[in-house]
Amino acid sequence: MSNDVKDDQQNKPGGPGGNHPFKVTVHTLAGHRLIETVKPEDSVSEVTAKAIKVFGARGQLVPGDYALTLPRTGGEAELDPTASLRHAGVVAEDVLVLVNRKPQVDG
């Protein structure tokens, strides 16, 4: 890979070396969607809190303990809430899923 290509990838929005705002989509398991502009240094917990606030205000989320996941990585593991988006591996146009850590089970 040439240095020009590496530099371009490093500096693209949401890229490993970029510092520019970029957009991600946050989905709920019920199918609700929010497109959010974030920065690589935003913490996962900040993005989670904002998504909870927006979905809650819309009446699309029941109270609970929520976490973000990044399905693109092949796992359903929660993202570390103390990590920055950059360190969690989140890049431009990623889809994050908001999951309830302790879902209510009827019965």
PDB file of N, CA and C in Angstrom:
ATOM      1  N   MET A   1       0.860  -1.176   0.000  1.00  0.00           N
ATOM      2  CA  MET A   1       0.000   0.000   0.000  1.00  0.00           C
ATOM      3  C   MET A   1       0.902   1.233   0.000  1.00  0.00           C
ATOM      4  N   SER A   2       0.584   2.183  -0.863  1.00  0.00           N
ATOM      5  CA  SER A   2       1.414   3.385  -0.944  1.00  0.00           C
ATOM      6  C   SER A   2       1.160   4.282   0.261  1.00  0.00           C
ATOM      7  N   ASN A   3       2.115   5.180   0.514  1.00  0.00           N
ATOM      8  CA  ASN A   3       1.955   6.109   1.636  1.00  0.00           C
ATOM      9  C   ASN A   3       0.772   7.023   1.434  1.00  0.00           C
ATOM     10  N   ASP A   4       0.482   7.410   0.163  1.00  0.00           N
ATOM     11  CA  ASP A   4      -0.661   8.281  -0.107  1.00  0.00           C
ATOM     12  C   ASP A   4      -1.962   7.608   0.304  1.00  0.00           C
ATOM     13  N   VAL A   5      -2.099   6.320  -0.012  1.00  0.00           N
ATOM     14  CA  VAL A   5      -3.314   5.594   0.338  1.00  0.00           C
ATOM     15  C   VAL A   5      -3.409   5.449   1.849  1.00  0.00           C
ATOM     16  N   LYS A   6      -2.309   5.110   2.521  1.00  0.00           N
ATOM     17  CA  LYS A   6      -2.313   4.996   3.979  1.00  0.00           C
ATOM     18  C   LYS A   6      -2.702   6.309   4.639  1.00  0.00           C
ATOM     19  N   ASP A   7      -2.103   7.416   4.170  1.00  0.00           N
ATOM     20  CA  ASP A   7      -2.417   8.720   4.741  1.00  0.00           C
ATOM     21  C   ASP A   7      -3.881   9.053   4.548  1.00  0.00           C
ATOM     22  N   ASP A   8      -4.429   8.736   3.362  1.00  0.00           N
ATOM     23  CA  ASP A   8      -5.825   9.026   3.075  1.00  0.00           C
ATOM     24  C   ASP A   8      -6.732   8.233   4.016  1.00  0.00           C
ATOM     25  N   GLN A   9      -6.417   6.946   4.247  1.00  0.00           N
ATOM     26  CA  GLN A   9      -7.228   6.129   5.139  1.00  0.00           C
ATOM     27  C   GLN A   9      -7.109   6.609   6.583  1.00  0.00           C
ATOM     28  N   GLN A  10      -5.929   7.046   6.980  1.00  0.00           N
ATOM     29  CA  GLN A  10      -5.724   7.513   8.347  1.00  0.00           C
ATOM     30  C   GLN A  10      -6.519   8.776   8.637  1.00  0.00           C
ATOM     31  N   ASN A  11      -6.744   9.599   7.619  1.00  0.00           N
ATOM     32  CA  ASN A  11      -7.365  10.898   7.837  1.00  0.00           C
ATOM     33  C   ASN A  11      -8.824  10.974   7.426  1.00  0.00           C
ATOM     34  N   LYS A  12      -9.398   9.882   6.919  1.00  0.00           N
ATOM     35  CA  LYS A  12     -10.808   9.938   6.540  1.00  0.00           C
ATOM     36  C   LYS A  12     -11.667  10.026   7.796  1.00  0.00           C
ATOM     37  N   PRO A  13     -12.885  10.583   7.680  1.00  0.00           N
ATOM     38  CA  PRO A  13     -13.737  10.692   8.855  1.00  0.00           C
ATOM     39  C   PRO A  13     -13.942   9.325   9.500  1.00  0.00           C
ATOM     40  N   GLY A  14     -13.707   9.263  10.783  1.00  0.00           N
ATOM     41  CA  GLY A  14     -13.902   8.022  11.504  1.00  0.00           C
ATOM     42  C   GLY A  14     -12.781   7.033  11.321  1.00  0.00           C
ATOM     43  N   GLY A  15     -11.770   7.381  10.539  1.00  0.00           N
ATOM     44  CA  GLY A  15     -10.625   6.499  10.339  1.00  0.00           C
ATOM     45  C   GLY A  15      -9.741   6.498  11.573  1.00  0.00           C
ATOM     46  N   PRO A  16      -8.778   5.592  11.617  1.00  0.00           N
ATOM     47  CA  PRO A  16      -7.956   5.466  12.815  1.00  0.00           C
ATOM     48  C   PRO A  16      -7.204   6.725  13.204  1.00  0.00           C
ATOM     49  N   GLY A  17      -6.804   7.540  12.229  1.00  0.00           N
ATOM     50  CA  GLY A  17      -6.042   8.740  12.562  1.00  0.00           C
ATOM     51  C   GLY A  17      -6.850  10.009  12.412  1.00  0.00           C
ATOM     52  N   GLY A  18      -8.070   9.883  11.916  1.00  0.00           N
ATOM     53  CA  GLY A  18      -8.911  11.054  11.674  1.00  0.00           C
ATOM     54  C   GLY A  18      -9.449  11.639  12.962  1.00  0.00           C
ATOM     55  N   ASN A  19      -9.727  12.919  12.923  1.00  0.00           N
ATOM     56  CA  ASN A  19     -10.289  13.593  14.082  1.00  0.00           C
ATOM     57  C   ASN A  19     -11.577  14.299  13.703  1.00  0.00           C
ATOM     58  N   HIS A  20     -12.070  14.018  12.510  1.00  0.00           N
ATOM     59  CA  HIS A  20     -13.246  14.709  11.987  1.00  0.00           C
ATOM     60  C   HIS A  20     -14.528  14.027  12.444  1.00  0.00           C
ATOM     61  N   PRO A  21     -15.590  14.794  12.645  1.00  0.00           N
ATOM     62  CA  PRO A  21     -16.891  14.187  12.959  1.00  0.00           C
ATOM     63  C   PRO A  21     -17.341  13.274  11.822  1.00  0.00           C
ATOM     64  N   PHE A  22     -18.105  12.261  12.193  1.00  0.00           N
ATOM     65  CA  PHE A  22     -18.652  11.346  11.202  1.00  0.00           C
ATOM     66  C   PHE A  22     -19.998  10.837  11.694  1.00  0.00           C
ATOM     67  N   LYS A  23     -20.740  10.194  10.816  1.00  0.00           N
ATOM     68  CA  LYS A  23     -22.079   9.719  11.156  1.00  0.00           C
ATOM     69  C   LYS A  23     -22.074   8.216  11.419  1.00  0.00           C
ATOM     70  N   VAL A  24     -22.848   7.834  12.421  1.00  0.00           N
ATOM     71  CA  VAL A  24     -23.130   6.437  12.704  1.00  0.00           C
ATOM     72  C   VAL A  24     -24.641   6.311  12.868  1.00  0.00           C
ATOM     73  N   THR A  25     -25.137   5.107  12.718  1.00  0.00           N
ATOM     74  CA  THR A  25     -26.549   4.837  12.929  1.00  0.00           C
ATOM     75  C   THR A  25     -26.681   3.980  14.181  1.00  0.00           C
ATOM     76  N   VAL A  26     -27.598   4.360  15.053  1.00  0.00           N
ATOM     77  CA  VAL A  26     -27.889   3.571  16.248  1.00  0.00           C
ATOM     78  C   VAL A  26     -29.280   2.974  16.058  1.00  0.00           C
ATOM     79  N   HIS A  27     -29.370   1.654  16.182  1.00  0.00           N
ATOM     80  CA  HIS A  27     -30.642   0.939  16.065  1.00  0.00           C
ATOM     81  C   HIS A  27     -31.022   0.362  17.414  1.00  0.00           C
ATOM     82  N   THR A  28     -32.323   0.229  17.633  1.00  0.00           N
ATOM     83  CA  THR A  28     -32.809  -0.545  18.772  1.00  0.00           C
ATOM     84  C   THR A  28     -33.225  -1.907  18.228  1.00  0.00           C
ATOM     85  N   LEU A  29     -33.399  -2.864  19.114  1.00  0.00           N
ATOM     86  CA  LEU A  29     -33.843  -4.188  18.670  1.00  0.00           C
ATOM     87  C   LEU A  29     -35.276  -4.155  18.144  1.00  0.00           C
ATOM     88  N   ALA A  30     -36.021  -3.104  18.497  1.00  0.00           N
ATOM     89  CA  ALA A  30     -37.381  -2.939  17.985  1.00  0.00           C
ATOM     90  C   ALA A  30     -37.405  -2.302  16.591  1.00  0.00           C
ATOM     91  N   GLY A  31     -36.229  -1.946  16.073  1.00  0.00           N
ATOM     92  CA  GLY A  31     -36.148  -1.403  14.713  1.00  0.00           C
ATOM     93  C   GLY A  31     -36.136   0.112  14.625  1.00  0.00           C
ATOM     94  N   HIS A  32     -36.108   0.813  15.741  1.00  0.00           N
ATOM     95  CA  HIS A  32     -36.033   2.269  15.713  1.00  0.00           C
ATOM     96  C   HIS A  32     -34.608   2.685  15.361  1.00  0.00           C
ATOM     97  N   ARG A  33     -34.491   3.842  14.707  1.00  0.00           N
ATOM     98  CA  ARG A  33     -33.192   4.248  14.183  1.00  0.00           C
ATOM     99  C   ARG A  33     -32.902   5.704  14.501  1.00  0.00           C
ATOM    100  N   LEU A  34     -31.618   5.974  14.730  1.00  0.00           N
ATOM    101  CA  LEU A  34     -31.138   7.321  14.980  1.00  0.00           C
ATOM    102  C   LEU A  34     -29.809   7.473  14.252  1.00  0.00           C
ATOM    103  N   ILE A  35     -29.693   8.515  13.430  1.00  0.00           N
ATOM    104  CA  ILE A  35     -28.421   8.815  12.783  1.00  0.00           C
ATOM    105  C   ILE A  35     -27.776   9.925  13.593  1.00  0.00           C
ATOM    106  N   GLU A  36     -26.573   9.649  14.072  1.00  0.00           N
ATOM    107  CA  GLU A  36     -25.892  10.549  14.994  1.00  0.00           C
ATOM    108  C   GLU A  36     -24.538  10.974  14.432  1.00  0.00           C
ATOM    109  N   THR A  37     -24.223  12.260  14.582  1.00  0.00           N
ATOM    110  CA  THR A  37     -22.892  12.746  14.229  1.00  0.00           C
ATOM    111  C   THR A  37     -22.040  12.670  15.479  1.00  0.00           C
ATOM    112  N   VAL A  38     -20.912  11.979  15.379  1.00  0.00           N
ATOM    113  CA  VAL A  38     -20.026  11.743  16.520  1.00  0.00           C
ATOM    114  C   VAL A  38     -18.597  12.103  16.140  1.00  0.00           C
ATOM    115  N   LYS A  39     -17.737  12.125  17.147  1.00  0.00           N
ATOM    116  CA  LYS A  39     -16.300  12.347  16.935  1.00  0.00           C
ATOM    117  C   LYS A  39     -15.555  11.107  17.406  1.00  0.00           C
ATOM    118  N   PRO A  40     -14.402  10.827  16.825  1.00  0.00           N
ATOM    119  CA  PRO A  40     -13.647   9.638  17.225  1.00  0.00           C
ATOM    120  C   PRO A  40     -13.322   9.593  18.714  1.00  0.00           C
ATOM    121  N   GLU A  41     -13.165  10.748  19.337  1.00  0.00           N
ATOM    122  CA  GLU A  41     -12.810  10.778  20.760  1.00  0.00           C
ATOM    123  C   GLU A  41     -14.017  10.766  21.691  1.00  0.00           C
ATOM    124  N   ASP A  42     -15.248  10.784  21.152  1.00  0.00           N
ATOM    125  CA  ASP A  42     -16.426  10.643  22.008  1.00  0.00           C
ATOM    126  C   ASP A  42     -16.370   9.276  22.681  1.00  0.00           C
ATOM    127  N   SER A  43     -16.813   9.209  23.921  1.00  0.00           N
ATOM    128  CA  SER A  43     -16.815   7.918  24.606  1.00  0.00           C
ATOM    129  C   SER A  43     -18.059   7.125  24.219  1.00  0.00           C
ATOM    130  N   VAL A  44     -17.929   5.823  24.305  1.00  0.00           N
ATOM    131  CA  VAL A  44     -19.066   4.940  24.037  1.00  0.00           C
ATOM    132  C   VAL A  44     -20.205   5.291  24.986  1.00  0.00           C
ATOM    133  N   SER A  45     -19.891   5.595  26.241  1.00  0.00           N
ATOM    134  CA  SER A  45     -20.945   5.922  27.213  1.00  0.00           C
ATOM    135  C   SER A  45     -21.679   7.203  26.836  1.00  0.00           C
ATOM    136  N   GLU A  46     -20.984   8.194  26.260  1.00  0.00           N
ATOM    137  CA  GLU A  46     -21.641   9.431  25.824  1.00  0.00           C
ATOM    138  C   GLU A  46     -22.639   9.148  24.707  1.00  0.00           C
ATOM    139  N   VAL A  47     -22.236   8.348  23.743  1.00  0.00           N
ATOM    140  CA  VAL A  47     -23.109   8.019  22.616  1.00  0.00           C
ATOM    141  C   VAL A  47     -24.293   7.184  23.105  1.00  0.00           C
ATOM    142  N   THR A  48     -24.035   6.255  24.017  1.00  0.00           N
ATOM    143  CA  THR A  48     -25.107   5.438  24.584  1.00  0.00           C
ATOM    144  C   THR A  48     -26.127   6.311  25.305  1.00  0.00           C
ATOM    145  N   ALA A  49     -25.649   7.221  26.149  1.00  0.00           N
ATOM    146  CA  ALA A  49     -26.540   8.096  26.927  1.00  0.00           C
ATOM    147  C   ALA A  49     -27.394   8.967  26.009  1.00  0.00           C
ATOM    148  N   LYS A  50     -26.787   9.506  24.962  1.00  0.00           N
ATOM    149  CA  LYS A  50     -27.541  10.356  24.047  1.00  0.00           C
ATOM    150  C   LYS A  50     -28.608   9.549  23.310  1.00  0.00           C
ATOM    151  N   ALA A  51     -28.259   8.357  22.875  1.00  0.00           N
ATOM    152  CA  ALA A  51     -29.230   7.515  22.174  1.00  0.00           C
ATOM    153  C   ALA A  51     -30.394   7.153  23.102  1.00  0.00           C
ATOM    154  N   ILE A  52     -30.091   6.800  24.341  1.00  0.00           N
ATOM    155  CA  ILE A  52     -31.138   6.476  25.309  1.00  0.00           C
ATOM    156  C   ILE A  52     -32.058   7.665  25.512  1.00  0.00           C
ATOM    157  N   LYS A  53     -31.482   8.845  25.617  1.00  0.00           N
ATOM    158  CA  LYS A  53     -32.273  10.064  25.813  1.00  0.00           C
ATOM    159  C   LYS A  53     -33.196  10.320  24.621  1.00  0.00           C
ATOM    160  N   VAL A  54     -32.668  10.196  23.406  1.00  0.00           N
ATOM    161  CA  VAL A  54     -33.476  10.458  22.202  1.00  0.00           C
ATOM    162  C   VAL A  54     -34.578   9.415  22.056  1.00  0.00           C
ATOM    163  N   PHE A  55     -34.227   8.137  22.148  1.00  0.00           N
ATOM    164  CA  PHE A  55     -35.243   7.090  22.000  1.00  0.00           C
ATOM    165  C   PHE A  55     -36.278   7.167  23.122  1.00  0.00           C
ATOM    166  N   GLY A  56     -35.837   7.504  24.334  1.00  0.00           N
ATOM    167  CA  GLY A  56     -36.768   7.655  25.450  1.00  0.00           C
ATOM    168  C   GLY A  56     -37.735   8.802  25.230  1.00  0.00           C
ATOM    169  N   ALA A  57     -37.227   9.936  24.735  1.00  0.00           N
ATOM    170  CA  ALA A  57     -38.085  11.098  24.470  1.00  0.00           C
ATOM    171  C   ALA A  57     -39.112  10.790  23.381  1.00  0.00           C
ATOM    172  N   ARG A  58     -38.749   9.933  22.465  1.00  0.00           N
ATOM    173  CA  ARG A  58     -39.668   9.528  21.383  1.00  0.00           C
ATOM    174  C   ARG A  58     -40.661   8.470  21.855  1.00  0.00           C
ATOM    175  N   GLY A  59     -40.488   7.957  23.068  1.00  0.00           N
ATOM    176  CA  GLY A  59     -41.349   6.897  23.573  1.00  0.00           C
ATOM    177  C   GLY A  59     -41.029   5.546  22.942  1.00  0.00           C
ATOM    178  N   GLN A  60     -39.810   5.379  22.455  1.00  0.00           N
ATOM    179  CA  GLN A  60     -39.415   4.166  21.748  1.00  0.00           C
ATOM    180  C   GLN A  60     -38.540   3.244  22.585  1.00  0.00           C
ATOM    181  N   LEU A  61     -38.393   3.554  23.865  1.00  0.00           N
ATOM    182  CA  LEU A  61     -37.491   2.773  24.704  1.00  0.00           C
ATOM    183  C   LEU A  61     -38.067   2.693  26.107  1.00  0.00           C
ATOM    184  N   VAL A  62     -38.084   1.508  26.658  1.00  0.00           N
ATOM    185  CA  VAL A  62     -38.525   1.347  28.041  1.00  0.00           C
ATOM    186  C   VAL A  62     -37.329   1.587  28.948  1.00  0.00           C
ATOM    187  N   PRO A  63     -37.568   2.000  30.187  1.00  0.00           N
ATOM    188  CA  PRO A  63     -36.443   2.196  31.100  1.00  0.00           C
ATOM    189  C   PRO A  63     -35.649   0.899  31.248  1.00  0.00           C
ATOM    190  N   GLY A  64     -34.343   1.048  31.359  1.00  0.00           N
ATOM    191  CA  GLY A  64     -33.508  -0.134  31.514  1.00  0.00           C
ATOM    192  C   GLY A  64     -32.039   0.232  31.520  1.00  0.00           C
ATOM    193  N   ASP A  65     -31.224  -0.779  31.553  1.00  0.00           N
ATOM    194  CA  ASP A  65     -29.774  -0.646  31.557  1.00  0.00           C
ATOM    195  C   ASP A  65     -29.293  -1.046  30.162  1.00  0.00           C
ATOM    196  N   TYR A  66     -28.847  -0.074  29.375  1.00  0.00           N
ATOM    197  CA  TYR A  66     -28.528  -0.306  27.972  1.00  0.00           C
ATOM    198  C   TYR A  66     -27.033  -0.223  27.683  1.00  0.00           C
ATOM    199  N   ALA A  67     -26.649  -0.900  26.605  1.00  0.00           N
ATOM    200  CA  ALA A  67     -25.270  -0.886  26.129  1.00  0.00           C
ATOM    201  C   ALA A  67     -25.286  -0.905  24.604  1.00  0.00           C
ATOM    202  N   LEU A  68     -24.196  -0.434  24.010  1.00  0.00           N
ATOM    203  CA  LEU A  68     -24.056  -0.477  22.553  1.00  0.00           C
ATOM    204  C   LEU A  68     -23.224  -1.680  22.138  1.00  0.00           C
ATOM    205  N   THR A  69     -23.593  -2.277  21.005  1.00  0.00           N
ATOM    206  CA  THR A  69     -22.811  -3.340  20.394  1.00  0.00           C
ATOM    207  C   THR A  69     -22.466  -2.917  18.974  1.00  0.00           C
ATOM    208  N   LEU A  70     -21.473  -3.573  18.406  1.00  0.00           N
ATOM    209  CA  LEU A  70     -21.022  -3.290  17.045  1.00  0.00           C
ATOM    210  C   LEU A  70     -21.061  -4.597  16.266  1.00  0.00           C
ATOM    211  N   PRO A  71     -22.219  -4.920  15.660  1.00  0.00           N
ATOM    212  CA  PRO A  71     -22.371  -6.206  14.979  1.00  0.00           C
ATOM    213  C   PRO A  71     -21.349  -6.447  13.861  1.00  0.00           C
ATOM    214  N   ARG A  72     -20.835  -5.402  13.253  1.00  0.00           N
ATOM    215  CA  ARG A  72     -19.868  -5.544  12.155  1.00  0.00           C
ATOM    216  C   ARG A  72     -18.662  -6.367  12.579  1.00  0.00           C
ATOM    217  N   THR A  73     -18.337  -6.359  13.860  1.00  0.00           N
ATOM    218  CA  THR A  73     -17.161  -7.072  14.340  1.00  0.00           C
ATOM    219  C   THR A  73     -17.426  -8.565  14.512  1.00  0.00           C
ATOM    220  N   GLY A  74     -18.646  -8.991  14.243  1.00  0.00           N
ATOM    221  CA  GLY A  74     -18.968 -10.408  14.307  1.00  0.00           C
ATOM    222  C   GLY A  74     -19.384 -10.897  15.675  1.00  0.00           C
ATOM    223  N   GLY A  75     -19.383 -10.041  16.631  1.00  0.00           N
ATOM    224  CA  GLY A  75     -19.778 -10.452  17.972  1.00  0.00           C
ATOM    225  C   GLY A  75     -20.926  -9.622  18.488  1.00  0.00           C
ATOM    226  N   GLU A  76     -21.505 -10.108  19.547  1.00  0.00           N
ATOM    227  CA  GLU A  76     -22.592  -9.369  20.182  1.00  0.00           C
ATOM    228  C   GLU A  76     -22.136  -8.763  21.502  1.00  0.00           C
ATOM    229  N   ALA A  77     -20.828  -8.743  21.712  1.00  0.00           N
ATOM    230  CA  ALA A  77     -20.292  -8.210  22.963  1.00  0.00           C
ATOM    231  C   ALA A  77     -20.537  -6.712  23.057  1.00  0.00           C
ATOM    232  N   GLU A  78     -20.790  -6.276  24.269  1.00  0.00           N
ATOM    233  CA  GLU A  78     -20.981  -4.855  24.513  1.00  0.00           C
ATOM    234  C   GLU A  78     -19.665  -4.119  24.295  1.00  0.00           C
ATOM    235  N   LEU A  79     -19.768  -2.902  23.775  1.00  0.00           N
ATOM    236  CA  LEU A  79     -18.590  -2.052  23.657  1.00  0.00           C
ATOM    237  C   LEU A  79     -18.235  -1.523  25.040  1.00  0.00           C
ATOM    238  N   ASP A  80     -16.960  -1.384  25.302  1.00  0.00           N
ATOM    239  CA  ASP A  80     -16.486  -0.861  26.586  1.00  0.00           C
ATOM    240  C   ASP A  80     -16.973   0.583  26.734  1.00  0.00           C
ATOM    241  N   PRO A  81     -17.812   0.865  27.729  1.00  0.00           N
ATOM    242  CA  PRO A  81     -18.360   2.220  27.865  1.00  0.00           C
ATOM    243  C   PRO A  81     -17.308   3.288  28.140  1.00  0.00           C
ATOM    244  N   THR A  82     -16.145   2.893  28.653  1.00  0.00           N
ATOM    245  CA  THR A  82     -15.109   3.879  28.951  1.00  0.00           C
ATOM    246  C   THR A  82     -14.209   4.157  27.744  1.00  0.00           C
ATOM    247  N   ALA A  83     -14.339   3.364  26.701  1.00  0.00           N
ATOM    248  CA  ALA A  83     -13.491   3.526  25.513  1.00  0.00           C
ATOM    249  C   ALA A  83     -14.001   4.662  24.639  1.00  0.00           C
ATOM    250  N   SER A  84     -13.073   5.264  23.895  1.00  0.00           N
ATOM    251  CA  SER A  84     -13.486   6.219  22.864  1.00  0.00           C
ATOM    252  C   SER A  84     -14.013   5.403  21.684  1.00  0.00           C
ATOM    253  N   LEU A  85     -14.787   6.049  20.824  1.00  0.00           N
ATOM    254  CA  LEU A  85     -15.272   5.353  19.641  1.00  0.00           C
ATOM    255  C   LEU A  85     -14.100   4.826  18.817  1.00  0.00           C
ATOM    256  N   ARG A  86     -13.050   5.629  18.715  1.00  0.00           N
ATOM    257  CA  ARG A  86     -11.856   5.215  17.966  1.00  0.00           C
ATOM    258  C   ARG A  86     -11.293   3.917  18.533  1.00  0.00           C
ATOM    259  N   HIS A  87     -11.110   3.855  19.845  1.00  0.00           N
ATOM    260  CA  HIS A  87     -10.532   2.669  20.465  1.00  0.00           C
ATOM    261  C   HIS A  87     -11.481   1.475  20.437  1.00  0.00           C
ATOM    262  N   ALA A  88     -12.773   1.729  20.331  1.00  0.00           N
ATOM    263  CA  ALA A  88     -13.749   0.648  20.229  1.00  0.00           C
ATOM    264  C   ALA A  88     -13.852   0.123  18.797  1.00  0.00           C
ATOM    265  N   GLY A  89     -13.199   0.816  17.860  1.00  0.00           N
ATOM    266  CA  GLY A  89     -13.205   0.360  16.469  1.00  0.00           C
ATOM    267  C   GLY A  89     -14.351   0.884  15.636  1.00  0.00           C
ATOM    268  N   VAL A  90     -15.064   1.885  16.135  1.00  0.00           N
ATOM    269  CA  VAL A  90     -16.203   2.452  15.414  1.00  0.00           C
ATOM    270  C   VAL A  90     -15.691   3.414  14.348  1.00  0.00           C
ATOM    271  N   VAL A  91     -16.192   3.249  13.114  1.00  0.00           N
ATOM    272  CA  VAL A  91     -15.808   4.113  12.000  1.00  0.00           C
ATOM    273  C   VAL A  91     -17.059   4.672  11.329  1.00  0.00           C
ATOM    274  N   ALA A  92     -16.838   5.600  10.405  1.00  0.00           N
ATOM    275  CA  ALA A  92     -17.942   6.257   9.697  1.00  0.00           C
ATOM    276  C   ALA A  92     -18.886   5.230   9.085  1.00  0.00           C
ATOM    277  N   GLU A  93     -20.171   5.519   9.219  1.00  0.00           N
ATOM    278  CA  GLU A  93     -21.270   4.735   8.661  1.00  0.00           C
ATOM    279  C   GLU A  93     -21.488   3.399   9.344  1.00  0.00           C
ATOM    280  N   ASP A  94     -20.855   3.187  10.498  1.00  0.00           N
ATOM    281  CA  ASP A  94     -21.124   1.963  11.251  1.00  0.00           C
ATOM    282  C   ASP A  94     -22.552   1.980  11.769  1.00  0.00           C
ATOM    283  N   VAL A  95     -23.071   0.789  12.005  1.00  0.00           N
ATOM    284  CA  VAL A  95     -24.370   0.620  12.640  1.00  0.00           C
ATOM    285  C   VAL A  95     -24.120   0.037  14.025  1.00  0.00           C
ATOM    286  N   LEU A  96     -24.563   0.760  15.033  1.00  0.00           N
ATOM    287  CA  LEU A  96     -24.457   0.311  16.418  1.00  0.00           C
ATOM    288  C   LEU A  96     -25.839  -0.143  16.871  1.00  0.00           C
ATOM    289  N   VAL A  97     -25.894  -1.149  17.709  1.00  0.00           N
ATOM    290  CA  VAL A  97     -27.177  -1.645  18.192  1.00  0.00           C
ATOM    291  C   VAL A  97     -27.248  -1.418  19.696  1.00  0.00           C
ATOM    292  N   LEU A  98     -28.338  -0.789  20.126  1.00  0.00           N
ATOM    293  CA  LEU A  98     -28.576  -0.519  21.541  1.00  0.00           C
ATOM    294  C   LEU A  98     -29.338  -1.707  22.123  1.00  0.00           C
ATOM    295  N   VAL A  99     -28.729  -2.384  23.073  1.00  0.00           N
ATOM    296  CA  VAL A  99     -29.359  -3.569  23.664  1.00  0.00           C
ATOM    297  C   VAL A  99     -29.561  -3.358  25.154  1.00  0.00           C
ATOM    298  N   ASN A 100     -30.628  -3.951  25.672  1.00  0.00           N
ATOM    299  CA  ASN A 100     -30.927  -3.904  27.096  1.00  0.00           C
ATOM    300  C   ASN A 100     -30.117  -4.989  27.781  1.00  0.00           C
ATOM    301  N   ARG A 101     -29.304  -4.611  28.747  1.00  0.00           N
ATOM    302  CA  ARG A 101     -28.451  -5.577  29.449  1.00  0.00           C
ATOM    303  C   ARG A 101     -29.261  -6.572  30.262  1.00  0.00           C
ATOM    304  N   LYS A 102     -30.408  -6.118  30.766  1.00  0.00           N
ATOM    305  CA  LYS A 102     -31.245  -6.976  31.607  1.00  0.00           C
ATOM    306  C   LYS A 102     -32.685  -6.919  31.088  1.00  0.00           C
ATOM    307  N   PRO A 103     -32.950  -7.591  29.963  1.00  0.00           N
ATOM    308  CA  PRO A 103     -34.300  -7.519  29.410  1.00  0.00           C
ATOM    309  C   PRO A 103     -35.317  -8.171  30.337  1.00  0.00           C
ATOM    310  N   GLN A 104     -36.518  -7.628  30.325  1.00  0.00           N
ATOM    311  CA  GLN A 104     -37.604  -8.172  31.139  1.00  0.00           C
ATOM    312  C   GLN A 104     -38.067  -9.468  30.514  1.00  0.00           C
ATOM    313  N   VAL A 105     -38.187 -10.486  31.330  1.00  0.00           N
ATOM    314  CA  VAL A 105     -38.657 -11.776  30.858  1.00  0.00           C
ATOM    315  C   VAL A 105     -40.017 -12.027  31.502  1.00  0.00           C
ATOM    316  N   ASP A 106     -41.036 -12.213  30.668  1.00  0.00           N
ATOM    317  CA  ASP A 106     -42.386 -12.490  31.190  1.00  0.00           C
ATOM    318  C   ASP A 106     -42.492 -13.949  31.591  1.00  0.00           C
ATOM    319  N   GLY A 107     -43.223 -14.196  32.651  1.00  0.00           N
ATOM    320  CA  GLY A 107     -43.479 -15.575  33.009  1.00  0.00           C
ATOM    321  C   GLY A 107     -43.041 -15.855  34.340  1.00  0.00           C
TER     322      GLY A 107
END
